[in-house]
mmCIF file of all heavy atoms, coordinates in Angstrom:
data_MODEL
# 
_entry.id   MODEL 
# 
loop_
_atom_site.group_PDB 
_atom_site.id 
_atom_site.type_symbol 
_atom_site.label_atom_id 
_atom_site.label_alt_id 
_atom_site.label_comp_id 
_atom_site.label_asym_id 
_atom_site.label_entity_id 
_atom_site.label_seq_id 
_atom_site.pdbx_PDB_ins_code 
_atom_site.Cartn_x 
_atom_site.Cartn_y 
_atom_site.Cartn_z 
_atom_site.occupancy 
_atom_site.B_iso_or_equiv 
_atom_site.pdbx_formal_charge 
_atom_site.auth_seq_id 
_atom_site.auth_comp_id 
_atom_site.auth_asym_id 
_atom_site.auth_atom_id 
_atom_site.pdbx_PDB_model_num 
ATOM 1   N N   . ARG A 1 1  ? 0.850  -1.201 0.000   1.00 0.00 ? 1  ARG A N   1 
ATOM 2   C CA  . ARG A 1 1  ? 0.000  0.000  0.000   1.00 0.00 ? 1  ARG A CA  1 
ATOM 3   C C   . ARG A 1 1  ? 0.875  1.238  0.000   1.00 0.00 ? 1  ARG A C   1 
ATOM 4   O O   . ARG A 1 1  ? 1.912  1.270  0.648   1.00 0.00 ? 1  ARG A O   1 
ATOM 5   C CB  . ARG A 1 1  ? -0.907 0.038  1.237   1.00 0.00 ? 1  ARG A CB  1 
ATOM 6   C CG  . ARG A 1 1  ? -2.060 -0.921 1.156   1.00 0.00 ? 1  ARG A CG  1 
ATOM 7   C CD  . ARG A 1 1  ? -3.105 -0.719 2.237   1.00 0.00 ? 1  ARG A CD  1 
ATOM 8   N NE  . ARG A 1 1  ? -2.530 -0.454 3.548   1.00 0.00 ? 1  ARG A NE  1 
ATOM 9   C CZ  . ARG A 1 1  ? -3.031 0.406  4.424   1.00 0.00 ? 1  ARG A CZ  1 
ATOM 10  N NH1 . ARG A 1 1  ? -4.107 1.104  4.152   1.00 0.00 ? 1  ARG A NH1 1 
ATOM 11  N NH2 . ARG A 1 1  ? -2.470 0.572  5.601   1.00 0.00 ? 1  ARG A NH2 1 
ATOM 12  N N   . VAL A 1 2  ? 0.376  2.269  -0.680  1.00 0.00 ? 2  VAL A N   1 
ATOM 13  C CA  . VAL A 1 2  ? 1.074  3.541  -0.773  1.00 0.00 ? 2  VAL A CA  1 
ATOM 14  C C   . VAL A 1 2  ? 0.033  4.656  -0.703  1.00 0.00 ? 2  VAL A C   1 
ATOM 15  O O   . VAL A 1 2  ? -1.096 4.481  -1.168  1.00 0.00 ? 2  VAL A O   1 
ATOM 16  C CB  . VAL A 1 2  ? 1.894  3.631  -2.089  1.00 0.00 ? 2  VAL A CB  1 
ATOM 17  C CG1 . VAL A 1 2  ? 1.011  3.512  -3.313  1.00 0.00 ? 2  VAL A CG1 1 
ATOM 18  C CG2 . VAL A 1 2  ? 2.747  4.878  -2.147  1.00 0.00 ? 2  VAL A CG2 1 
ATOM 19  N N   . SER A 1 3  ? 0.408  5.785  -0.084  1.00 0.00 ? 3  SER A N   1 
ATOM 20  C CA  . SER A 1 3  ? -0.497 6.936  -0.081  1.00 0.00 ? 3  SER A CA  1 
ATOM 21  C C   . SER A 1 3  ? 0.257  8.154  -0.588  1.00 0.00 ? 3  SER A C   1 
ATOM 22  O O   . SER A 1 3  ? 1.459  8.306  -0.370  1.00 0.00 ? 3  SER A O   1 
ATOM 23  C CB  . SER A 1 3  ? -1.073 7.202  1.314   1.00 0.00 ? 3  SER A CB  1 
ATOM 24  O OG  . SER A 1 3  ? -0.070 7.664  2.187   1.00 0.00 ? 3  SER A OG  1 
ATOM 25  N N   . LEU A 1 4  ? -0.477 9.007  -1.271  1.00 0.00 ? 4  LEU A N   1 
ATOM 26  C CA  . LEU A 1 4  ? 0.044  10.263 -1.778  1.00 0.00 ? 4  LEU A CA  1 
ATOM 27  C C   . LEU A 1 4  ? -0.842 11.365 -1.225  1.00 0.00 ? 4  LEU A C   1 
ATOM 28  O O   . LEU A 1 4  ? -2.067 11.306 -1.365  1.00 0.00 ? 4  LEU A O   1 
ATOM 29  C CB  . LEU A 1 4  ? 0.017  10.286 -3.309  1.00 0.00 ? 4  LEU A CB  1 
ATOM 30  C CG  . LEU A 1 4  ? 1.064  9.407  -4.006  1.00 0.00 ? 4  LEU A CG  1 
ATOM 31  C CD1 . LEU A 1 4  ? 0.700  7.955  -3.932  1.00 0.00 ? 4  LEU A CD1 1 
ATOM 32  C CD2 . LEU A 1 4  ? 1.236  9.840  -5.426  1.00 0.00 ? 4  LEU A CD2 1 
ATOM 33  N N   . THR A 1 5  ? -0.222 12.335 -0.574  1.00 0.00 ? 5  THR A N   1 
ATOM 34  C CA  . THR A 1 5  ? -0.966 13.438 0.028   1.00 0.00 ? 5  THR A CA  1 
ATOM 35  C C   . THR A 1 5  ? -0.524 14.735 -0.627  1.00 0.00 ? 5  THR A C   1 
ATOM 36  O O   . THR A 1 5  ? 0.675  15.038 -0.676  1.00 0.00 ? 5  THR A O   1 
ATOM 37  C CB  . THR A 1 5  ? -0.731 13.500 1.552   1.00 0.00 ? 5  THR A CB  1 
ATOM 38  O OG1 . THR A 1 5  ? -1.115 12.253 2.131   1.00 0.00 ? 5  THR A OG1 1 
ATOM 39  C CG2 . THR A 1 5  ? -1.520 14.622 2.186   1.00 0.00 ? 5  THR A CG2 1 
ATOM 40  N N   . ASP A 1 6  ? -1.507 15.479 -1.126  1.00 0.00 ? 6  ASP A N   1 
ATOM 41  C CA  . ASP A 1 6  ? -1.230 16.778 -1.730  1.00 0.00 ? 6  ASP A CA  1 
ATOM 42  C C   . ASP A 1 6  ? -2.323 17.754 -1.307  1.00 0.00 ? 6  ASP A C   1 
ATOM 43  O O   . ASP A 1 6  ? -3.084 17.461 -0.379  1.00 0.00 ? 6  ASP A O   1 
ATOM 44  C CB  . ASP A 1 6  ? -1.100 16.669 -3.250  1.00 0.00 ? 6  ASP A CB  1 
ATOM 45  C CG  . ASP A 1 6  ? -2.352 16.117 -3.924  1.00 0.00 ? 6  ASP A CG  1 
ATOM 46  O OD1 . ASP A 1 6  ? -3.449 16.124 -3.321  1.00 0.00 ? 6  ASP A OD1 1 
ATOM 47  O OD2 . ASP A 1 6  ? -2.233 15.682 -5.087  1.00 0.00 ? 6  ASP A OD2 1 
ATOM 48  N N   . ASP A 1 7  ? -2.408 18.878 -1.965  1.00 0.00 ? 7  ASP A N   1 
ATOM 49  C CA  . ASP A 1 7  ? -3.408 19.891 -1.606  1.00 0.00 ? 7  ASP A CA  1 
ATOM 50  C C   . ASP A 1 7  ? -4.845 19.399 -1.764  1.00 0.00 ? 7  ASP A C   1 
ATOM 51  O O   . ASP A 1 7  ? -5.771 20.004 -1.227  1.00 0.00 ? 7  ASP A O   1 
ATOM 52  C CB  . ASP A 1 7  ? -3.207 21.163 -2.430  1.00 0.00 ? 7  ASP A CB  1 
ATOM 53  C CG  . ASP A 1 7  ? -1.913 21.877 -2.085  1.00 0.00 ? 7  ASP A CG  1 
ATOM 54  O OD1 . ASP A 1 7  ? -1.357 21.627 -0.985  1.00 0.00 ? 7  ASP A OD1 1 
ATOM 55  O OD2 . ASP A 1 7  ? -1.443 22.685 -2.916  1.00 0.00 ? 7  ASP A OD2 1 
ATOM 56  N N   . ASN A 1 8  ? -5.051 18.313 -2.499  1.00 0.00 ? 8  ASN A N   1 
ATOM 57  C CA  . ASN A 1 8  ? -6.388 17.757 -2.722  1.00 0.00 ? 8  ASN A CA  1 
ATOM 58  C C   . ASN A 1 8  ? -6.734 16.638 -1.755  1.00 0.00 ? 8  ASN A C   1 
ATOM 59  O O   . ASN A 1 8  ? -7.776 16.008 -1.901  1.00 0.00 ? 8  ASN A O   1 
ATOM 60  C CB  . ASN A 1 8  ? -6.519 17.263 -4.167  1.00 0.00 ? 8  ASN A CB  1 
ATOM 61  C CG  . ASN A 1 8  ? -6.399 18.393 -5.157  1.00 0.00 ? 8  ASN A CG  1 
ATOM 62  O OD1 . ASN A 1 8  ? -7.020 19.433 -4.994  1.00 0.00 ? 8  ASN A OD1 1 
ATOM 63  N ND2 . ASN A 1 8  ? -5.589 18.193 -6.174  1.00 0.00 ? 8  ASN A ND2 1 
ATOM 64  N N   . GLY A 1 9  ? -5.854 16.356 -0.788  1.00 0.00 ? 9  GLY A N   1 
ATOM 65  C CA  . GLY A 1 9  ? -6.127 15.307 0.184   1.00 0.00 ? 9  GLY A CA  1 
ATOM 66  C C   . GLY A 1 9  ? -5.189 14.120 0.053   1.00 0.00 ? 9  GLY A C   1 
ATOM 67  O O   . GLY A 1 9  ? -4.163 14.191 -0.624  1.00 0.00 ? 9  GLY A O   1 
ATOM 68  N N   . THR A 1 10 ? -5.565 13.029 0.712   1.00 0.00 ? 10 THR A N   1 
ATOM 69  C CA  . THR A 1 10 ? -4.759 11.811 0.709   1.00 0.00 ? 10 THR A CA  1 
ATOM 70  C C   . THR A 1 10 ? -5.434 10.770 -0.167  1.00 0.00 ? 10 THR A C   1 
ATOM 71  O O   . THR A 1 10 ? -6.631 10.534 -0.066  1.00 0.00 ? 10 THR A O   1 
ATOM 72  C CB  . THR A 1 10 ? -4.588 11.266 2.144   1.00 0.00 ? 10 THR A CB  1 
ATOM 73  O OG1 . THR A 1 10 ? -3.897 12.256 2.919   1.00 0.00 ? 10 THR A OG1 1 
ATOM 74  C CG2 . THR A 1 10 ? -3.791 9.979  2.155   1.00 0.00 ? 10 THR A CG2 1 
ATOM 75  N N   . HIS A 1 11 ? -4.632 10.159 -1.013  1.00 0.00 ? 11 HIS A N   1 
ATOM 76  C CA  . HIS A 1 11 ? -5.106 9.133  -1.940  1.00 0.00 ? 11 HIS A CA  1 
ATOM 77  C C   . HIS A 1 11 ? -4.314 7.873  -1.626  1.00 0.00 ? 11 HIS A C   1 
ATOM 78  O O   . HIS A 1 11 ? -3.084 7.879  -1.715  1.00 0.00 ? 11 HIS A O   1 
ATOM 79  C CB  . HIS A 1 11 ? -4.868 9.565  -3.386  1.00 0.00 ? 11 HIS A CB  1 
ATOM 80  C CG  . HIS A 1 11 ? -5.262 10.986 -3.641  1.00 0.00 ? 11 HIS A CG  1 
ATOM 81  N ND1 . HIS A 1 11 ? -6.545 11.348 -3.968  1.00 0.00 ? 11 HIS A ND1 1 
ATOM 82  C CD2 . HIS A 1 11 ? -4.535 12.138 -3.569  1.00 0.00 ? 11 HIS A CD2 1 
ATOM 83  C CE1 . HIS A 1 11 ? -6.594 12.657 -4.120  1.00 0.00 ? 11 HIS A CE1 1 
ATOM 84  N NE2 . HIS A 1 11 ? -5.397 13.158 -3.874  1.00 0.00 ? 11 HIS A NE2 1 
ATOM 85  N N   . THR A 1 12 ? -4.998 6.793  -1.246  1.00 0.00 ? 12 THR A N   1 
ATOM 86  C CA  . THR A 1 12 ? -4.330 5.552  -0.871  1.00 0.00 ? 12 THR A CA  1 
ATOM 87  C C   . THR A 1 12 ? -4.614 4.481  -1.914  1.00 0.00 ? 12 THR A C   1 
ATOM 88  O O   . THR A 1 12 ? -5.754 4.332  -2.366  1.00 0.00 ? 12 THR A O   1 
ATOM 89  C CB  . THR A 1 12 ? -4.795 5.084  0.522   1.00 0.00 ? 12 THR A CB  1 
ATOM 90  O OG1 . THR A 1 12 ? -4.496 6.126  1.468   1.00 0.00 ? 12 THR A OG1 1 
ATOM 91  C CG2 . THR A 1 12 ? -4.079 3.815  0.953   1.00 0.00 ? 12 THR A CG2 1 
ATOM 92  N N   . PHE A 1 13 ? -3.569 3.747  -2.282  1.00 0.00 ? 13 PHE A N   1 
ATOM 93  C CA  . PHE A 1 13 ? -3.673 2.713  -3.305  1.00 0.00 ? 13 PHE A CA  1 
ATOM 94  C C   . PHE A 1 13 ? -3.098 1.409  -2.764  1.00 0.00 ? 13 PHE A C   1 
ATOM 95  O O   . PHE A 1 13 ? -2.078 1.411  -2.078  1.00 0.00 ? 13 PHE A O   1 
ATOM 96  C CB  . PHE A 1 13 ? -2.905 3.139  -4.558  1.00 0.00 ? 13 PHE A CB  1 
ATOM 97  C CG  . PHE A 1 13 ? -3.364 4.466  -5.100  1.00 0.00 ? 13 PHE A CG  1 
ATOM 98  C CD1 . PHE A 1 13 ? -2.696 5.630  -4.765  1.00 0.00 ? 13 PHE A CD1 1 
ATOM 99  C CD2 . PHE A 1 13 ? -4.475 4.544  -5.922  1.00 0.00 ? 13 PHE A CD2 1 
ATOM 100 C CE1 . PHE A 1 13 ? -3.116 6.859  -5.247  1.00 0.00 ? 13 PHE A CE1 1 
ATOM 101 C CE2 . PHE A 1 13 ? -4.912 5.772  -6.408  1.00 0.00 ? 13 PHE A CE2 1 
ATOM 102 C CZ  . PHE A 1 13 ? -4.239 6.926  -6.077  1.00 0.00 ? 13 PHE A CZ  1 
ATOM 103 N N   . ALA A 1 14 ? -3.773 0.295  -3.089  1.00 0.00 ? 14 ALA A N   1 
ATOM 104 C CA  . ALA A 1 14 ? -3.366 -1.036 -2.632  1.00 0.00 ? 14 ALA A CA  1 
ATOM 105 C C   . ALA A 1 14 ? -3.245 -1.961 -3.836  1.00 0.00 ? 14 ALA A C   1 
ATOM 106 O O   . ALA A 1 14 ? -3.568 -1.572 -4.974  1.00 0.00 ? 14 ALA A O   1 
ATOM 107 C CB  . ALA A 1 14 ? -4.392 -1.571 -1.633  1.00 0.00 ? 14 ALA A CB  1 
ATOM 108 N N   . ALA A 1 15 ? -2.806 -3.186 -3.585  1.00 0.00 ? 15 ALA A N   1 
ATOM 109 C CA  . ALA A 1 15 ? -2.624 -4.170 -4.650  1.00 0.00 ? 15 ALA A CA  1 
ATOM 110 C C   . ALA A 1 15 ? -3.852 -4.219 -5.553  1.00 0.00 ? 15 ALA A C   1 
ATOM 111 O O   . ALA A 1 15 ? -4.983 -4.286 -5.088  1.00 0.00 ? 15 ALA A O   1 
ATOM 112 C CB  . ALA A 1 15 ? -2.352 -5.539 -4.048  1.00 0.00 ? 15 ALA A CB  1 
ATOM 113 N N   . GLY A 1 16 ? -3.596 -4.118 -6.855  1.00 0.00 ? 16 GLY A N   1 
ATOM 114 C CA  . GLY A 1 16 ? -4.667 -4.125 -7.842  1.00 0.00 ? 16 GLY A CA  1 
ATOM 115 C C   . GLY A 1 16 ? -5.084 -2.746 -8.305  1.00 0.00 ? 16 GLY A C   1 
ATOM 116 O O   . GLY A 1 16 ? -5.757 -2.608 -9.323  1.00 0.00 ? 16 GLY A O   1 
ATOM 117 N N   . ASP A 1 17 ? -4.685 -1.693 -7.561  1.00 0.00 ? 17 ASP A N   1 
ATOM 118 C CA  . ASP A 1 17 ? -5.003 -0.319 -7.936  1.00 0.00 ? 17 ASP A CA  1 
ATOM 119 C C   . ASP A 1 17 ? -3.945 0.234  -8.888  1.00 0.00 ? 17 ASP A C   1 
ATOM 120 O O   . ASP A 1 17 ? -2.797 -0.209 -8.881  1.00 0.00 ? 17 ASP A O   1 
ATOM 121 C CB  . ASP A 1 17 ? -5.057 0.599  -6.713  1.00 0.00 ? 17 ASP A CB  1 
ATOM 122 C CG  . ASP A 1 17 ? -6.207 0.288  -5.782  1.00 0.00 ? 17 ASP A CG  1 
ATOM 123 O OD1 . ASP A 1 17 ? -7.224 -0.269 -6.237  1.00 0.00 ? 17 ASP A OD1 1 
ATOM 124 O OD2 . ASP A 1 17 ? -6.084 0.609  -4.579  1.00 0.00 ? 17 ASP A OD2 1 
ATOM 125 N N   . ALA A 1 18 ? -4.334 1.232  -9.653  1.00 0.00 ? 18 ALA A N   1 
ATOM 126 C CA  . ALA A 1 18 ? -3.407 1.929  -10.540 1.00 0.00 ? 18 ALA A CA  1 
ATOM 127 C C   . ALA A 1 18 ? -3.662 3.428  -10.432 1.00 0.00 ? 18 ALA A C   1 
ATOM 128 O O   . ALA A 1 18 ? -4.767 3.857  -10.095 1.00 0.00 ? 18 ALA A O   1 
ATOM 129 C CB  . ALA A 1 18 ? -3.603 1.467  -11.980 1.00 0.00 ? 18 ALA A CB  1 
ATOM 130 N N   . PHE A 1 19 ? -2.624 4.224  -10.692 1.00 0.00 ? 19 PHE A N   1 
ATOM 131 C CA  . PHE A 1 19 ? -2.765 5.679  -10.676 1.00 0.00 ? 19 PHE A CA  1 
ATOM 132 C C   . PHE A 1 19 ? -1.725 6.305  -11.576 1.00 0.00 ? 19 PHE A C   1 
ATOM 133 O O   . PHE A 1 19 ? -0.777 5.642  -12.007 1.00 0.00 ? 19 PHE A O   1 
ATOM 134 C CB  . PHE A 1 19 ? -2.664 6.237  -9.241  1.00 0.00 ? 19 PHE A CB  1 
ATOM 135 C CG  . PHE A 1 19 ? -1.352 6.010  -8.557  1.00 0.00 ? 19 PHE A CG  1 
ATOM 136 C CD1 . PHE A 1 19 ? -0.329 6.964  -8.632  1.00 0.00 ? 19 PHE A CD1 1 
ATOM 137 C CD2 . PHE A 1 19 ? -1.125 4.864  -7.814  1.00 0.00 ? 19 PHE A CD2 1 
ATOM 138 C CE1 . PHE A 1 19 ? 0.882  6.770  -7.984  1.00 0.00 ? 19 PHE A CE1 1 
ATOM 139 C CE2 . PHE A 1 19 ? 0.088  4.656  -7.159  1.00 0.00 ? 19 PHE A CE2 1 
ATOM 140 C CZ  . PHE A 1 19 ? 1.095  5.613  -7.249  1.00 0.00 ? 19 PHE A CZ  1 
ATOM 141 N N   . THR A 1 20 ? -1.908 7.577  -11.865 1.00 0.00 ? 20 THR A N   1 
ATOM 142 C CA  . THR A 1 20 ? -0.938 8.323  -12.659 1.00 0.00 ? 20 THR A CA  1 
ATOM 143 C C   . THR A 1 20 ? -0.498 9.576  -11.914 1.00 0.00 ? 20 THR A C   1 
ATOM 144 O O   . THR A 1 20 ? -1.226 10.099 -11.071 1.00 0.00 ? 20 THR A O   1 
ATOM 145 C CB  . THR A 1 20 ? -1.522 8.752  -14.029 1.00 0.00 ? 20 THR A CB  1 
ATOM 146 O OG1 . THR A 1 20 ? -2.647 9.600  -13.810 1.00 0.00 ? 20 THR A OG1 1 
ATOM 147 C CG2 . THR A 1 20 ? -1.926 7.543  -14.859 1.00 0.00 ? 20 THR A CG2 1 
ATOM 148 N N   . LEU A 1 21 ? 0.700  10.034 -12.239 1.00 0.00 ? 21 LEU A N   1 
ATOM 149 C CA  . LEU A 1 21 ? 1.238  11.308 -11.754 1.00 0.00 ? 21 LEU A CA  1 
ATOM 150 C C   . LEU A 1 21 ? 1.724  12.093 -12.962 1.00 0.00 ? 21 LEU A C   1 
ATOM 151 O O   . LEU A 1 21 ? 2.213  11.500 -13.927 1.00 0.00 ? 21 LEU A O   1 
ATOM 152 C CB  . LEU A 1 21 ? 2.420  11.084 -10.804 1.00 0.00 ? 21 LEU A CB  1 
ATOM 153 C CG  . LEU A 1 21 ? 2.120  10.540 -9.427  1.00 0.00 ? 21 LEU A CG  1 
ATOM 154 C CD1 . LEU A 1 21 ? 3.416  10.237 -8.679  1.00 0.00 ? 21 LEU A CD1 1 
ATOM 155 C CD2 . LEU A 1 21 ? 1.285  11.531 -8.644  1.00 0.00 ? 21 LEU A CD2 1 
ATOM 156 N N   . GLU A 1 22 ? 1.614  13.404 -12.884 1.00 0.00 ? 22 GLU A N   1 
ATOM 157 C CA  . GLU A 1 22 ? 2.089  14.260 -13.966 1.00 0.00 ? 22 GLU A CA  1 
ATOM 158 C C   . GLU A 1 22 ? 3.202  15.165 -13.455 1.00 0.00 ? 22 GLU A C   1 
ATOM 159 O O   . GLU A 1 22 ? 3.345  15.372 -12.241 1.00 0.00 ? 22 GLU A O   1 
ATOM 160 C CB  . GLU A 1 22 ? 0.940  15.100 -14.509 1.00 0.00 ? 22 GLU A CB  1 
ATOM 161 C CG  . GLU A 1 22 ? -0.119 14.262 -15.196 1.00 0.00 ? 22 GLU A CG  1 
ATOM 162 C CD  . GLU A 1 22 ? -1.191 15.102 -15.861 1.00 0.00 ? 22 GLU A CD  1 
ATOM 163 O OE1 . GLU A 1 22 ? -0.996 16.325 -16.028 1.00 0.00 ? 22 GLU A OE1 1 
ATOM 164 O OE2 . GLU A 1 22 ? -2.222 14.517 -16.223 1.00 0.00 ? 22 GLU A OE2 1 
ATOM 165 N N   . PRO A 1 23 ? 3.995  15.722 -14.375 1.00 0.00 ? 23 PRO A N   1 
ATOM 166 C CA  . PRO A 1 23 ? 5.049  16.642 -13.960 1.00 0.00 ? 23 PRO A CA  1 
ATOM 167 C C   . PRO A 1 23 ? 4.478  17.784 -13.113 1.00 0.00 ? 23 PRO A C   1 
ATOM 168 O O   . PRO A 1 23 ? 3.388  18.288 -13.395 1.00 0.00 ? 23 PRO A O   1 
ATOM 169 C CB  . PRO A 1 23 ? 5.605  17.176 -15.283 1.00 0.00 ? 23 PRO A CB  1 
ATOM 170 C CG  . PRO A 1 23 ? 5.276  16.127 -16.282 1.00 0.00 ? 23 PRO A CG  1 
ATOM 171 C CD  . PRO A 1 23 ? 3.959  15.556 -15.828 1.00 0.00 ? 23 PRO A CD  1 
ATOM 172 N N   . GLY A 1 24 ? 5.205  18.120 -12.070 1.00 0.00 ? 24 GLY A N   1 
ATOM 173 C CA  . GLY A 1 24 ? 4.791  19.213 -11.205 1.00 0.00 ? 24 GLY A CA  1 
ATOM 174 C C   . GLY A 1 24 ? 4.056  18.773 -9.954  1.00 0.00 ? 24 GLY A C   1 
ATOM 175 O O   . GLY A 1 24 ? 3.846  19.582 -9.055  1.00 0.00 ? 24 GLY A O   1 
ATOM 176 N N   . TRP A 1 25 ? 3.652  17.467 -9.880  1.00 0.00 ? 25 TRP A N   1 
ATOM 177 C CA  . TRP A 1 25 ? 2.966  17.014 -8.659  1.00 0.00 ? 25 TRP A CA  1 
ATOM 178 C C   . TRP A 1 25 ? 3.885  17.257 -7.478  1.00 0.00 ? 25 TRP A C   1 
ATOM 179 O O   . TRP A 1 25 ? 5.095  17.068 -7.532  1.00 0.00 ? 25 TRP A O   1 
ATOM 180 C CB  . TRP A 1 25 ? 2.599  15.534 -8.744  1.00 0.00 ? 25 TRP A CB  1 
ATOM 181 C CG  . TRP A 1 25 ? 1.931  15.070 -7.484  1.00 0.00 ? 25 TRP A CG  1 
ATOM 182 C CD1 . TRP A 1 25 ? 0.627  15.238 -7.146  1.00 0.00 ? 25 TRP A CD1 1 
ATOM 183 C CD2 . TRP A 1 25 ? 2.547  14.396 -6.380  1.00 0.00 ? 25 TRP A CD2 1 
ATOM 184 N NE1 . TRP A 1 25 ? 0.381  14.709 -5.895  1.00 0.00 ? 25 TRP A NE1 1 
ATOM 185 C CE2 . TRP A 1 25 ? 1.551  14.190 -5.400  1.00 0.00 ? 25 TRP A CE2 1 
ATOM 186 C CE3 . TRP A 1 25 ? 3.842  13.957 -6.108  1.00 0.00 ? 25 TRP A CE3 1 
ATOM 187 C CZ2 . TRP A 1 25 ? 1.801  13.559 -4.187  1.00 0.00 ? 25 TRP A CZ2 1 
ATOM 188 C CZ3 . TRP A 1 25 ? 4.094  13.329 -4.908  1.00 0.00 ? 25 TRP A CZ3 1 
ATOM 189 C CH2 . TRP A 1 25 ? 3.080  13.133 -3.957  1.00 0.00 ? 25 TRP A CH2 1 
# 
């Protein structure tokens, strides 16, 4: 599991999940 926290809140991802990041995050 991994979480990413930014100005929009915390987003947590676990096995089977996918996400993207863009330049500037």
